[in-house]
Amino acid sequence: MNKRKLLGYAVWLVAFLIPLQPSILDTEGISNTVGVISFVALVVLVFLGYWLVDGAEAPKAEHGH
């Protein structure tokens, strides 16, 4: 397995380990900043993981004429 693909899976694991309860379920007693930061971190890490996993198997471009 490609190292880039493994790194992408690790990023996805970290993304889904971020506690989303402050941003989605429990808004009482928690500042909005914590919820926004955790949600933005989740979105960024999910797309970063997708970019790493999807790009791991990218075919090499041939420069033939």
C-alpha atoms as a PDB file:
ATOM      1  CA  MET A   1       0.000   0.000   0.000  1.00  0.00           C
ATOM      2  CA  ASN A   2       1.200   3.479  -0.830  1.00  0.00           C
ATOM      3  CA  LYS A   3       2.489   5.722   1.995  1.00  0.00           C
ATOM      4  CA  ARG A   4       0.339   8.597   0.770  1.00  0.00           C
ATOM      5  CA  LYS A   5      -2.772   6.425   0.956  1.00  0.00           C
ATOM      6  CA  LEU A   6      -1.937   5.305   4.494  1.00  0.00           C
ATOM      7  CA  LEU A   7      -1.385   8.915   5.517  1.00  0.00           C
ATOM      8  CA  GLY A   8      -4.795   9.788   4.065  1.00  0.00           C
ATOM      9  CA  TYR A   9      -6.456   7.037   6.101  1.00  0.00           C
ATOM     10  CA  ALA A  10      -4.672   8.295   9.229  1.00  0.00           C
ATOM     11  CA  VAL A  11      -5.931  11.831   8.551  1.00  0.00           C
ATOM     12  CA  TRP A  12      -9.485  10.478   8.201  1.00  0.00           C
ATOM     13  CA  LEU A  13      -9.110   8.648  11.506  1.00  0.00           C
ATOM     14  CA  VAL A  14      -7.980  11.843  13.235  1.00  0.00           C
ATOM     15  CA  ALA A  15     -10.814  13.773  11.575  1.00  0.00           C
ATOM     16  CA  PHE A  16     -13.466  11.448  12.953  1.00  0.00           C
ATOM     17  CA  LEU A  17     -11.896  11.340  16.412  1.00  0.00           C
ATOM     18  CA  ILE A  18     -12.540  15.072  16.829  1.00  0.00           C
ATOM     19  CA  PRO A  19     -15.422  15.428  19.237  1.00  0.00           C
ATOM     20  CA  LEU A  20     -18.373  16.857  17.324  1.00  0.00           C
ATOM     21  CA  GLN A  21     -20.712  17.036  20.269  1.00  0.00           C
ATOM     22  CA  PRO A  22     -19.874  20.717  20.960  1.00  0.00           C
ATOM     23  CA  SER A  23     -20.645  21.731  17.393  1.00  0.00           C
ATOM     24  CA  ILE A  24     -23.678  19.577  16.637  1.00  0.00           C
ATOM     25  CA  LEU A  25     -25.455  18.164  19.652  1.00  0.00           C
ATOM     26  CA  ASP A  26     -24.728  20.109  22.813  1.00  0.00           C
ATOM     27  CA  THR A  27     -24.649  23.873  22.400  1.00  0.00           C
ATOM     28  CA  GLU A  28     -25.516  24.802  25.955  1.00  0.00           C
ATOM     29  CA  GLY A  29     -22.579  25.839  28.103  1.00  0.00           C
ATOM     30  CA  ILE A  30     -20.078  25.651  25.220  1.00  0.00           C
ATOM     31  CA  SER A  31     -18.888  28.666  23.303  1.00  0.00           C
ATOM     32  CA  ASN A  32     -19.606  28.878  19.608  1.00  0.00           C
ATOM     33  CA  THR A  33     -15.903  29.200  18.881  1.00  0.00           C
ATOM     34  CA  VAL A  34     -15.186  25.646  20.032  1.00  0.00           C
ATOM     35  CA  GLY A  35     -17.967  24.304  17.840  1.00  0.00           C
ATOM     36  CA  VAL A  36     -16.846  26.234  14.788  1.00  0.00           C
ATOM     37  CA  ILE A  37     -13.210  25.221  15.202  1.00  0.00           C
ATOM     38  CA  SER A  38     -14.063  21.533  15.588  1.00  0.00           C
ATOM     39  CA  PHE A  39     -16.400  21.617  12.579  1.00  0.00           C
ATOM     40  CA  VAL A  40     -13.885  23.424  10.348  1.00  0.00           C
ATOM     41  CA  ALA A  41     -11.135  21.033  11.448  1.00  0.00           C
ATOM     42  CA  LEU A  42     -13.351  18.066  10.550  1.00  0.00           C
ATOM     43  CA  VAL A  43     -14.138  19.443   7.090  1.00  0.00           C
ATOM     44  CA  VAL A  44     -10.498  20.333   6.341  1.00  0.00           C
ATOM     45  CA  LEU A  45      -9.192  16.948   7.495  1.00  0.00           C
ATOM     46  CA  VAL A  46     -11.835  15.020   5.545  1.00  0.00           C
ATOM     47  CA  PHE A  47     -10.953  16.813   2.314  1.00  0.00           C
ATOM     48  CA  LEU A  48      -7.211  16.531   3.011  1.00  0.00           C
ATOM     49  CA  GLY A  49      -7.611  12.794   3.552  1.00  0.00           C
ATOM     50  CA  TYR A  50      -9.593  12.479   0.339  1.00  0.00           C
ATOM     51  CA  TRP A  51      -6.927  14.395  -1.575  1.00  0.00           C
ATOM     52  CA  LEU A  52      -4.205  12.111  -0.179  1.00  0.00           C
ATOM     53  CA  VAL A  53      -6.071   8.853  -0.827  1.00  0.00           C
ATOM     54  CA  ASP A  54      -7.342   9.849  -4.263  1.00  0.00           C
ATOM     55  CA  GLY A  55      -3.968  11.184  -5.369  1.00  0.00           C
ATOM     56  CA  ALA A  56      -2.096   8.084  -4.240  1.00  0.00           C
ATOM     57  CA  GLU A  57      -3.113   6.102  -7.308  1.00  0.00           C
ATOM     58  CA  ALA A  58      -2.831   8.932  -9.840  1.00  0.00           C
ATOM     59  CA  PRO A  59      -1.563   7.678 -13.189  1.00  0.00           C
ATOM     60  CA  LYS A  60       1.695   9.150 -14.401  1.00  0.00           C
ATOM     61  CA  ALA A  61       1.316  11.442 -17.385  1.00  0.00           C
ATOM     62  CA  GLU A  62       3.119  10.363 -20.510  1.00  0.00           C
ATOM     63  CA  HIS A  63       4.732  13.051 -22.600  1.00  0.00           C
ATOM     64  CA  GLY A  64       4.570  11.359 -25.984  1.00  0.00           C
ATOM     65  CA  HIS A  65       3.866  13.191 -29.216  1.00  0.00           C
END
